[in-house]
Amino acid sequence: METKSNADQNARPEAPPKPEPGPDVHITINGVTKLIHRGRRTVAEIKTVGDIAAADELEQVINGKLTPLPDDGAVTIKGGEIFMSHVRSGGSS
C-alpha cells in the first residue's frame, strides 16, 4: 500500500501572481526587483528597465518554466512577473 508524506499531501500548485494595485508594479529581472508601469510592455522596454543588453535573450518564467520572448514581442505586465536574461546561444558561422 502506497502512502504519501504530509509534504506531498500539502503540496499545492503555484498560483499565478495576483495583479498589484496602482499604475506602477514590481517585476523581477535576473533576481533584482524593478518598478515598471503596468500594461503591455515590449521586450525592448523590459530589457531597458533591467539594464539588459539588447543582444541578450530575455525569458519569462511561466508556470515554473523559462519561456523565450521574441525581441519584437510584448508582455502584459500585471506585477509579480519574473524574467531572466542570458547571452544568446548559437549564432551564424
PDB file of N, CA and C in Angstrom:
ATOM      1  N   MET A   1       0.846  -1.176   0.000  1.00  0.00           N
ATOM      2  CA  MET A   1       0.000   0.000   0.000  1.00  0.00           C
ATOM      3  C   MET A   1       0.887   1.232   0.000  1.00  0.00           C
ATOM      4  N   GLU A   2       0.579   2.163  -0.868  1.00  0.00           N
ATOM      5  CA  GLU A   2       1.399   3.354  -1.015  1.00  0.00           C
ATOM      6  C   GLU A   2       0.864   4.463  -0.105  1.00  0.00           C
ATOM      7  N   THR A   3       1.757   5.092   0.618  1.00  0.00           N
ATOM      8  CA  THR A   3       1.357   6.218   1.451  1.00  0.00           C
ATOM      9  C   THR A   3       2.122   7.444   1.011  1.00  0.00           C
ATOM     10  N   LYS A   4       1.526   8.591   1.188  1.00  0.00           N
ATOM     11  CA  LYS A   4       2.160   9.856   0.829  1.00  0.00           C
ATOM     12  C   LYS A   4       2.538  10.591   2.099  1.00  0.00           C
ATOM     13  N   SER A   5       3.630  11.307   2.040  1.00  0.00           N
ATOM     14  CA  SER A   5       4.053  12.092   3.196  1.00  0.00           C
ATOM     15  C   SER A   5       3.165  13.323   3.320  1.00  0.00           C
ATOM     16  N   ASN A   6       3.192  13.933   4.493  1.00  0.00           N
ATOM     17  CA  ASN A   6       2.415  15.156   4.701  1.00  0.00           C
ATOM     18  C   ASN A   6       2.823  16.239   3.730  1.00  0.00           C
ATOM     19  N   ALA A   7       4.109  16.305   3.401  1.00  0.00           N
ATOM     20  CA  ALA A   7       4.577  17.329   2.469  1.00  0.00           C
ATOM     21  C   ALA A   7       3.918  17.153   1.106  1.00  0.00           C
ATOM     22  N   ASP A   8       3.790  15.895   0.651  1.00  0.00           N
ATOM     23  CA  ASP A   8       3.147  15.647  -0.628  1.00  0.00           C
ATOM     24  C   ASP A   8       1.658  15.980  -0.588  1.00  0.00           C
ATOM     25  N   GLN A   9       1.011  15.677   0.516  1.00  0.00           N
ATOM     26  CA  GLN A   9      -0.418  15.945   0.626  1.00  0.00           C
ATOM     27  C   GLN A   9      -0.697  17.443   0.698  1.00  0.00           C
ATOM     28  N   ASN A  10       0.220  18.198   1.283  1.00  0.00           N
ATOM     29  CA  ASN A  10       0.013  19.635   1.429  1.00  0.00           C
ATOM     30  C   ASN A  10       0.546  20.432   0.248  1.00  0.00           C
ATOM     31  N   ALA A  11       1.201  19.775  -0.688  1.00  0.00           N
ATOM     32  CA  ALA A  11       1.751  20.479  -1.843  1.00  0.00           C
ATOM     33  C   ALA A  11       0.602  21.012  -2.697  1.00  0.00           C
ATOM     34  N   ARG A  12       0.732  22.265  -3.063  1.00  0.00           N
ATOM     35  CA  ARG A  12      -0.274  22.898  -3.913  1.00  0.00           C
ATOM     36  C   ARG A  12       0.409  23.463  -5.140  1.00  0.00           C
ATOM     37  N   PRO A  13      -0.263  23.463  -6.266  1.00  0.00           N
ATOM     38  CA  PRO A  13       0.351  24.084  -7.438  1.00  0.00           C
ATOM     39  C   PRO A  13       0.541  25.578  -7.176  1.00  0.00           C
ATOM     40  N   GLU A  14       1.601  26.112  -7.760  1.00  0.00           N
ATOM     41  CA  GLU A  14       1.900  27.531  -7.566  1.00  0.00           C
ATOM     42  C   GLU A  14       0.825  28.376  -8.242  1.00  0.00           C
ATOM     43  N   ALA A  15       0.230  29.274  -7.482  1.00  0.00           N
ATOM     44  CA  ALA A  15      -0.807  30.144  -8.027  1.00  0.00           C
ATOM     45  C   ALA A  15      -0.159  31.243  -8.852  1.00  0.00           C
ATOM     46  N   PRO A  16      -0.820  31.676  -9.930  1.00  0.00           N
ATOM     47  CA  PRO A  16      -0.266  32.783 -10.707  1.00  0.00           C
ATOM     48  C   PRO A  16      -0.245  34.048  -9.851  1.00  0.00           C
ATOM     49  N   PRO A  17       0.677  34.960 -10.150  1.00  0.00           N
ATOM     50  CA  PRO A  17       0.744  36.181  -9.344  1.00  0.00           C
ATOM     51  C   PRO A  17      -0.544  36.983  -9.474  1.00  0.00           C
ATOM     52  N   LYS A  18      -0.982  37.561  -8.364  1.00  0.00           N
ATOM     53  CA  LYS A  18      -2.170  38.412  -8.403  1.00  0.00           C
ATOM     54  C   LYS A  18      -1.745  39.808  -8.836  1.00  0.00           C
ATOM     55  N   PRO A  19      -2.561  40.491  -9.625  1.00  0.00           N
ATOM     56  CA  PRO A  19      -2.192  41.837 -10.063  1.00  0.00           C
ATOM     57  C   PRO A  19      -1.995  42.771  -8.872  1.00  0.00           C
ATOM     58  N   GLU A  20      -0.950  43.580  -8.961  1.00  0.00           N
ATOM     59  CA  GLU A  20      -0.699  44.580  -7.927  1.00  0.00           C
ATOM     60  C   GLU A  20      -1.594  45.790  -8.196  1.00  0.00           C
ATOM     61  N   PRO A  21      -1.978  46.504  -7.134  1.00  0.00           N
ATOM     62  CA  PRO A  21      -2.749  47.732  -7.341  1.00  0.00           C
ATOM     63  C   PRO A  21      -1.835  48.866  -7.793  1.00  0.00           C
ATOM     64  N   GLY A  22      -2.401  49.870  -8.421  1.00  0.00           N
ATOM     65  CA  GLY A  22      -1.644  51.059  -8.811  1.00  0.00           C
ATOM     66  C   GLY A  22      -1.076  50.966 -10.213  1.00  0.00           C
ATOM     67  N   PRO A  23      -0.630  52.119 -10.743  1.00  0.00           N
ATOM     68  CA  PRO A  23      -0.125  52.154 -12.123  1.00  0.00           C
ATOM     69  C   PRO A  23       1.269  51.549 -12.269  1.00  0.00           C
ATOM     70  N   ASP A  24       2.083  51.587 -11.207  1.00  0.00           N
ATOM     71  CA  ASP A  24       3.430  51.034 -11.263  1.00  0.00           C
ATOM     72  C   ASP A  24       3.482  49.767 -10.419  1.00  0.00           C
ATOM     73  N   VAL A  25       4.113  48.720 -10.970  1.00  0.00           N
ATOM     74  CA  VAL A  25       4.164  47.424 -10.299  1.00  0.00           C
ATOM     75  C   VAL A  25       5.596  46.913 -10.286  1.00  0.00           C
ATOM     76  N   HIS A  26       5.817  45.881  -9.486  1.00  0.00           N
ATOM     77  CA  HIS A  26       7.143  45.287  -9.370  1.00  0.00           C
ATOM     78  C   HIS A  26       7.245  44.021 -10.204  1.00  0.00           C
ATOM     79  N   ILE A  27       8.366  43.896 -10.904  1.00  0.00           N
ATOM     80  CA  ILE A  27       8.710  42.667 -11.604  1.00  0.00           C
ATOM     81  C   ILE A  27      10.121  42.294 -11.166  1.00  0.00           C
ATOM     82  N   THR A  28      10.527  41.064 -11.417  1.00  0.00           N
ATOM     83  CA  THR A  28      11.870  40.625 -11.068  1.00  0.00           C
ATOM     84  C   THR A  28      12.614  40.275 -12.340  1.00  0.00           C
ATOM     85  N   ILE A  29      13.793  40.898 -12.504  1.00  0.00           N
ATOM     86  CA  ILE A  29      14.634  40.641 -13.663  1.00  0.00           C
ATOM     87  C   ILE A  29      15.999  40.204 -13.148  1.00  0.00           C
ATOM     88  N   ASN A  30      16.378  38.975 -13.464  1.00  0.00           N
ATOM     89  CA  ASN A  30      17.666  38.420 -13.019  1.00  0.00           C
ATOM     90  C   ASN A  30      17.840  38.541 -11.508  1.00  0.00           C
ATOM     91  N   GLY A  31      16.757  38.297 -10.771  1.00  0.00           N
ATOM     92  CA  GLY A  31      16.816  38.296  -9.317  1.00  0.00           C
ATOM     93  C   GLY A  31      16.731  39.667  -8.666  1.00  0.00           C
ATOM     94  N   VAL A  32      16.580  40.720  -9.467  1.00  0.00           N
ATOM     95  CA  VAL A  32      16.505  42.082  -8.945  1.00  0.00           C
ATOM     96  C   VAL A  32      15.099  42.629  -9.167  1.00  0.00           C
ATOM     97  N   THR A  33      14.486  43.170  -8.115  1.00  0.00           N
ATOM     98  CA  THR A  33      13.145  43.738  -8.233  1.00  0.00           C
ATOM     99  C   THR A  33      13.225  45.104  -8.905  1.00  0.00           C
ATOM    100  N   LYS A  34      12.386  45.308  -9.899  1.00  0.00           N
ATOM    101  CA  LYS A  34      12.335  46.566 -10.653  1.00  0.00           C
ATOM    102  C   LYS A  34      10.904  47.079 -10.680  1.00  0.00           C
ATOM    103  N   LEU A  35      10.763  48.397 -10.752  1.00  0.00           N
ATOM    104  CA  LEU A  35       9.454  49.040 -10.845  1.00  0.00           C
ATOM    105  C   LEU A  35       9.196  49.381 -12.313  1.00  0.00           C
ATOM    106  N   ILE A  36       8.006  49.042 -12.800  1.00  0.00           N
ATOM    107  CA  ILE A  36       7.650  49.300 -14.196  1.00  0.00           C
ATOM    108  C   ILE A  36       6.162  49.652 -14.262  1.00  0.00           C
ATOM    109  N   HIS A  37       5.788  50.417 -15.256  1.00  0.00           N
ATOM    110  CA  HIS A  37       4.381  50.783 -15.440  1.00  0.00           C
ATOM    111  C   HIS A  37       3.624  49.562 -15.957  1.00  0.00           C
ATOM    112  N   ARG A  38       2.495  49.259 -15.322  1.00  0.00           N
ATOM    113  CA  ARG A  38       1.695  48.105 -15.726  1.00  0.00           C
ATOM    114  C   ARG A  38       1.179  48.276 -17.149  1.00  0.00           C
ATOM    115  N   GLY A  39       0.746  47.183 -17.721  1.00  0.00           N
ATOM    116  CA  GLY A  39       0.177  47.195 -19.067  1.00  0.00           C
ATOM    117  C   GLY A  39       1.083  46.479 -20.052  1.00  0.00           C
ATOM    118  N   ARG A  40       0.783  46.650 -21.312  1.00  0.00           N
ATOM    119  CA  ARG A  40       1.550  45.965 -22.362  1.00  0.00           C
ATOM    120  C   ARG A  40       2.890  46.664 -22.543  1.00  0.00           C
ATOM    121  N   ARG A  41       3.968  45.914 -22.358  1.00  0.00           N
ATOM    122  CA  ARG A  41       5.333  46.440 -22.463  1.00  0.00           C
ATOM    123  C   ARG A  41       6.099  45.582 -23.458  1.00  0.00           C
ATOM    124  N   THR A  42       6.866  46.238 -24.309  1.00  0.00           N
ATOM    125  CA  THR A  42       7.661  45.498 -25.281  1.00  0.00           C
ATOM    126  C   THR A  42       8.845  44.836 -24.578  1.00  0.00           C
ATOM    127  N   VAL A  43       9.369  43.810 -25.218  1.00  0.00           N
ATOM    128  CA  VAL A  43      10.554  43.133 -24.686  1.00  0.00           C
ATOM    129  C   VAL A  43      11.701  44.143 -24.582  1.00  0.00           C
ATOM    130  N   ALA A  44      11.817  45.048 -25.552  1.00  0.00           N
ATOM    131  CA  ALA A  44      12.869  46.072 -25.518  1.00  0.00           C
ATOM    132  C   ALA A  44      12.724  46.963 -24.281  1.00  0.00           C
ATOM    133  N   GLU A  45      11.495  47.349 -23.924  1.00  0.00           N
ATOM    134  CA  GLU A  45      11.270  48.162 -22.728  1.00  0.00           C
ATOM    135  C   GLU A  45      11.686  47.411 -21.464  1.00  0.00           C
ATOM    136  N   ILE A  46      11.343  46.138 -21.389  1.00  0.00           N
ATOM    137  CA  ILE A  46      11.688  45.331 -20.219  1.00  0.00           C
ATOM    138  C   ILE A  46      13.205  45.195 -20.107  1.00  0.00           C
ATOM    139  N   LYS A  47      13.876  44.989 -21.247  1.00  0.00           N
ATOM    140  CA  LYS A  47      15.336  44.916 -21.240  1.00  0.00           C
ATOM    141  C   LYS A  47      15.941  46.222 -20.736  1.00  0.00           C
ATOM    142  N   THR A  48      15.393  47.352 -21.146  1.00  0.00           N
ATOM    143  CA  THR A  48      15.902  48.653 -20.701  1.00  0.00           C
ATOM    144  C   THR A  48      15.749  48.806 -19.201  1.00  0.00           C
ATOM    145  N   VAL A  49      14.581  48.455 -18.661  1.00  0.00           N
ATOM    146  CA  VAL A  49      14.337  48.549 -17.218  1.00  0.00           C
ATOM    147  C   VAL A  49      15.316  47.662 -16.450  1.00  0.00           C
ATOM    148  N   GLY A  50      15.636  46.502 -17.008  1.00  0.00           N
ATOM    149  CA  GLY A  50      16.517  45.553 -16.327  1.00  0.00           C
ATOM    150  C   GLY A  50      17.987  45.715 -16.653  1.00  0.00           C
ATOM    151  N   ASP A  51      18.340  46.787 -17.393  1.00  0.00           N
ATOM    152  CA  ASP A  51      19.736  47.015 -17.797  1.00  0.00           C
ATOM    153  C   ASP A  51      20.317  45.795 -18.508  1.00  0.00           C
ATOM    154  N   ILE A  52      19.539  45.238 -19.421  1.00  0.00           N
ATOM    155  CA  ILE A  52      19.935  44.051 -20.170  1.00  0.00           C
ATOM    156  C   ILE A  52      20.368  44.490 -21.567  1.00  0.00           C
ATOM    157  N   ALA A  53      21.481  43.947 -22.035  1.00  0.00           N
ATOM    158  CA  ALA A  53      21.963  44.259 -23.381  1.00  0.00           C
ATOM    159  C   ALA A  53      20.919  43.846 -24.414  1.00  0.00           C
ATOM    160  N   ALA A  54      20.759  44.687 -25.429  1.00  0.00           N
ATOM    161  CA  ALA A  54      19.771  44.408 -26.473  1.00  0.00           C
ATOM    162  C   ALA A  54      20.037  43.074 -27.164  1.00  0.00           C
ATOM    163  N   ALA A  55      21.292  42.664 -27.241  1.00  0.00           N
ATOM    164  CA  ALA A  55      21.649  41.415 -27.921  1.00  0.00           C
ATOM    165  C   ALA A  55      21.326  40.174 -27.085  1.00  0.00           C
ATOM    166  N   ASP A  56      21.130  40.338 -25.783  1.00  0.00           N
ATOM    167  CA  ASP A  56      20.843  39.191 -24.915  1.00  0.00           C
ATOM    168  C   ASP A  56      19.414  38.696 -25.109  1.00  0.00           C
ATOM    169  N   GLU A  57      19.194  37.431 -24.787  1.00  0.00           N
ATOM    170  CA  GLU A  57      17.859  36.851 -24.880  1.00  0.00           C
ATOM    171  C   GLU A  57      17.141  37.022 -23.549  1.00  0.00           C
ATOM    172  N   LEU A  58      15.866  37.392 -23.592  1.00  0.00           N
ATOM    173  CA  LEU A  58      15.049  37.545 -22.390  1.00  0.00           C
ATOM    174  C   LEU A  58      14.036  36.413 -22.346  1.00  0.00           C
ATOM    175  N   GLU A  59      13.910  35.793 -21.170  1.00  0.00           N
ATOM    176  CA  GLU A  59      12.938  34.731 -20.981  1.00  0.00           C
ATOM    177  C   GLU A  59      12.070  35.067 -19.778  1.00  0.00           C
ATOM    178  N   GLN A  60      10.831  34.620 -19.818  1.00  0.00           N
ATOM    179  CA  GLN A  60       9.895  34.826 -18.715  1.00  0.00           C
ATOM    180  C   GLN A  60       9.591  33.475 -18.078  1.00  0.00           C
ATOM    181  N   VAL A  61       9.525  33.468 -16.747  1.00  0.00           N
ATOM    182  CA  VAL A  61       9.142  32.257 -16.037  1.00  0.00           C
ATOM    183  C   VAL A  61       7.616  32.166 -16.070  1.00  0.00           C
ATOM    184  N   ILE A  62       7.112  31.155 -16.758  1.00  0.00           N
ATOM    185  CA  ILE A  62       5.668  30.939 -16.882  1.00  0.00           C
ATOM    186  C   ILE A  62       5.387  29.505 -16.442  1.00  0.00           C
ATOM    187  N   ASN A  63       4.571  29.349 -15.412  1.00  0.00           N
ATOM    188  CA  ASN A  63       4.259  28.022 -14.855  1.00  0.00           C
ATOM    189  C   ASN A  63       5.523  27.250 -14.494  1.00  0.00           C
ATOM    190  N   GLY A  64       6.511  27.978 -13.950  1.00  0.00           N
ATOM    191  CA  GLY A  64       7.735  27.342 -13.494  1.00  0.00           C
ATOM    192  C   GLY A  64       8.734  27.010 -14.578  1.00  0.00           C
ATOM    193  N   LYS A  65       8.460  27.397 -15.828  1.00  0.00           N
ATOM    194  CA  LYS A  65       9.364  27.098 -16.938  1.00  0.00           C
ATOM    195  C   LYS A  65       9.796  28.388 -17.623  1.00  0.00           C
ATOM    196  N   LEU A  66      11.062  28.426 -18.054  1.00  0.00           N
ATOM    197  CA  LEU A  66      11.556  29.579 -18.797  1.00  0.00           C
ATOM    198  C   LEU A  66      10.999  29.548 -20.212  1.00  0.00           C
ATOM    199  N   THR A  67      10.383  30.658 -20.611  1.00  0.00           N
ATOM    200  CA  THR A  67       9.795  30.773 -21.938  1.00  0.00           C
ATOM    201  C   THR A  67      10.489  31.911 -22.678  1.00  0.00           C
ATOM    202  N   PRO A  68      11.208  31.621 -23.777  1.00  0.00           N
ATOM    203  CA  PRO A  68      11.893  32.679 -24.521  1.00  0.00           C
ATOM    204  C   PRO A  68      10.897  33.697 -25.072  1.00  0.00           C
ATOM    205  N   LEU A  69      11.293  34.968 -25.027  1.00  0.00           N
ATOM    206  CA  LEU A  69      10.453  36.040 -25.558  1.00  0.00           C
ATOM    207  C   LEU A  69      11.099  36.590 -26.824  1.00  0.00           C
ATOM    208  N   PRO A  70      10.325  36.745 -27.890  1.00  0.00           N
ATOM    209  CA  PRO A  70      10.895  37.301 -29.119  1.00  0.00           C
ATOM    210  C   PRO A  70      11.251  38.773 -28.925  1.00  0.00           C
ATOM    211  N   ASP A  71      12.332  39.212 -29.572  1.00  0.00           N
ATOM    212  CA  ASP A  71      12.772  40.607 -29.425  1.00  0.00           C
ATOM    213  C   ASP A  71      11.697  41.603 -29.843  1.00  0.00           C
ATOM    214  N   ASP A  72      10.870  41.223 -30.804  1.00  0.00           N
ATOM    215  CA  ASP A  72       9.825  42.132 -31.264  1.00  0.00           C
ATOM    216  C   ASP A  72       8.492  41.870 -30.556  1.00  0.00           C
ATOM    217  N   GLY A  73       8.521  41.075 -29.488  1.00  0.00           N
ATOM    218  CA  GLY A  73       7.313  40.717 -28.749  1.00  0.00           C
ATOM    219  C   GLY A  73       6.979  41.711 -27.653  1.00  0.00           C
ATOM    220  N   ALA A  74       5.911  41.408 -26.931  1.00  0.00           N
ATOM    221  CA  ALA A  74       5.449  42.246 -25.827  1.00  0.00           C
ATOM    222  C   ALA A  74       4.828  41.349 -24.765  1.00  0.00           C
ATOM    223  N   VAL A  75       4.768  41.872 -23.549  1.00  0.00           N
ATOM    224  CA  VAL A  75       4.217  41.141 -22.411  1.00  0.00           C
ATOM    225  C   VAL A  75       3.250  42.072 -21.691  1.00  0.00           C
ATOM    226  N   THR A  76       2.105  41.549 -21.250  1.00  0.00           N
ATOM    227  CA  THR A  76       1.183  42.337 -20.429  1.00  0.00           C
ATOM    228  C   THR A  76       1.637  42.211 -18.982  1.00  0.00           C
ATOM    229  N   ILE A  77       2.093  43.319 -18.427  1.00  0.00           N
ATOM    230  CA  ILE A  77       2.631  43.353 -17.074  1.00  0.00           C
ATOM    231  C   ILE A  77       1.502  43.645 -16.085  1.00  0.00           C
ATOM    232  N   LYS A  78       1.346  42.744 -15.094  1.00  0.00           N
ATOM    233  CA  LYS A  78       0.339  42.928 -14.040  1.00  0.00           C
ATOM    234  C   LYS A  78       1.000  43.082 -12.678  1.00  0.00           C
ATOM    235  N   GLY A  79       2.284  42.740 -12.611  1.00  0.00           N
ATOM    236  CA  GLY A  79       3.022  42.763 -11.351  1.00  0.00           C
ATOM    237  C   GLY A  79       3.346  41.348 -10.924  1.00  0.00           C
ATOM    238  N   GLY A  80       4.572  41.127 -10.474  1.00  0.00           N
ATOM    239  CA  GLY A  80       4.990  39.824  -9.998  1.00  0.00           C
ATOM    240  C   GLY A  80       5.630  38.937 -11.048  1.00  0.00           C
ATOM    241  N   GLU A  81       5.711  39.405 -12.287  1.00  0.00           N
ATOM    242  CA  GLU A  81       6.330  38.593 -13.334  1.00  0.00           C
ATOM    243  C   GLU A  81       7.829  38.441 -13.049  1.00  0.00           C
ATOM    244  N   ILE A  82       8.372  37.330 -13.511  1.00  0.00           N
ATOM    245  CA  ILE A  82       9.792  37.027 -13.303  1.00  0.00           C
ATOM    246  C   ILE A  82      10.434  36.808 -14.669  1.00  0.00           C
ATOM    247  N   PHE A  83      11.562  37.501 -14.882  1.00  0.00           N
ATOM    248  CA  PHE A  83      12.294  37.412 -16.140  1.00  0.00           C
ATOM    249  C   PHE A  83      13.754  37.068 -15.856  1.00  0.00           C
ATOM    250  N   MET A  84      14.362  36.371 -16.814  1.00  0.00           N
ATOM    251  CA  MET A  84      15.786  36.037 -16.764  1.00  0.00           C
ATOM    252  C   MET A  84      16.380  36.355 -18.126  1.00  0.00           C
ATOM    253  N   SER A  85      17.629  36.806 -18.125  1.00  0.00           N
ATOM    254  CA  SER A  85      18.292  37.055 -19.400  1.00  0.00           C
ATOM    255  C   SER A  85      19.574  36.251 -19.457  1.00  0.00           C
ATOM    256  N   HIS A  86      20.055  36.035 -20.684  1.00  0.00           N
ATOM    257  CA  HIS A  86      21.328  35.364 -20.889  1.00  0.00           C
ATOM    258  C   HIS A  86      21.820  35.688 -22.286  1.00  0.00           C
ATOM    259  N   VAL A  87      23.120  35.508 -22.477  1.00  0.00           N
ATOM    260  CA  VAL A  87      23.703  35.696 -23.791  1.00  0.00           C
ATOM    261  C   VAL A  87      23.113  34.650 -24.712  1.00  0.00           C
ATOM    262  N   ARG A  88      22.788  35.061 -25.919  1.00  0.00           N
ATOM    263  CA  ARG A  88      22.204  34.115 -26.884  1.00  0.00           C
ATOM    264  C   ARG A  88      23.192  32.998 -27.184  1.00  0.00           C
ATOM    265  N   SER A  89      22.645  31.791 -27.306  1.00  0.00           N
ATOM    266  CA  SER A  89      23.500  30.664 -27.671  1.00  0.00           C
ATOM    267  C   SER A  89      23.431  30.479 -29.179  1.00  0.00           C
ATOM    268  N   GLY A  90      24.427  29.816 -29.721  1.00  0.00           N
ATOM    269  CA  GLY A  90      24.440  29.583 -31.156  1.00  0.00           C
ATOM    270  C   GLY A  90      24.903  30.832 -31.880  1.00  0.00           C
ATOM    271  N   GLY A  91      24.536  30.935 -33.107  1.00  0.00           N
ATOM    272  CA  GLY A  91      24.917  32.088 -33.902  1.00  0.00           C
ATOM    273  C   GLY A  91      25.241  31.650 -35.309  1.00  0.00           C
ATOM    274  N   SER A  92      25.577  32.606 -36.135  1.00  0.00           N
ATOM    275  CA  SER A  92      25.882  32.282 -37.522  1.00  0.00           C
ATOM    276  C   SER A  92      27.342  31.875 -37.633  1.00  0.00           C
ATOM    277  N   SER A  93      27.623  31.075 -38.617  1.00  0.00           N
ATOM    278  CA  SER A  93      29.012  30.639 -38.805  1.00  0.00           C
ATOM    279  C   SER A  93      29.488  30.933 -40.190  1.00  0.00           C
TER     280      SER A  93
END
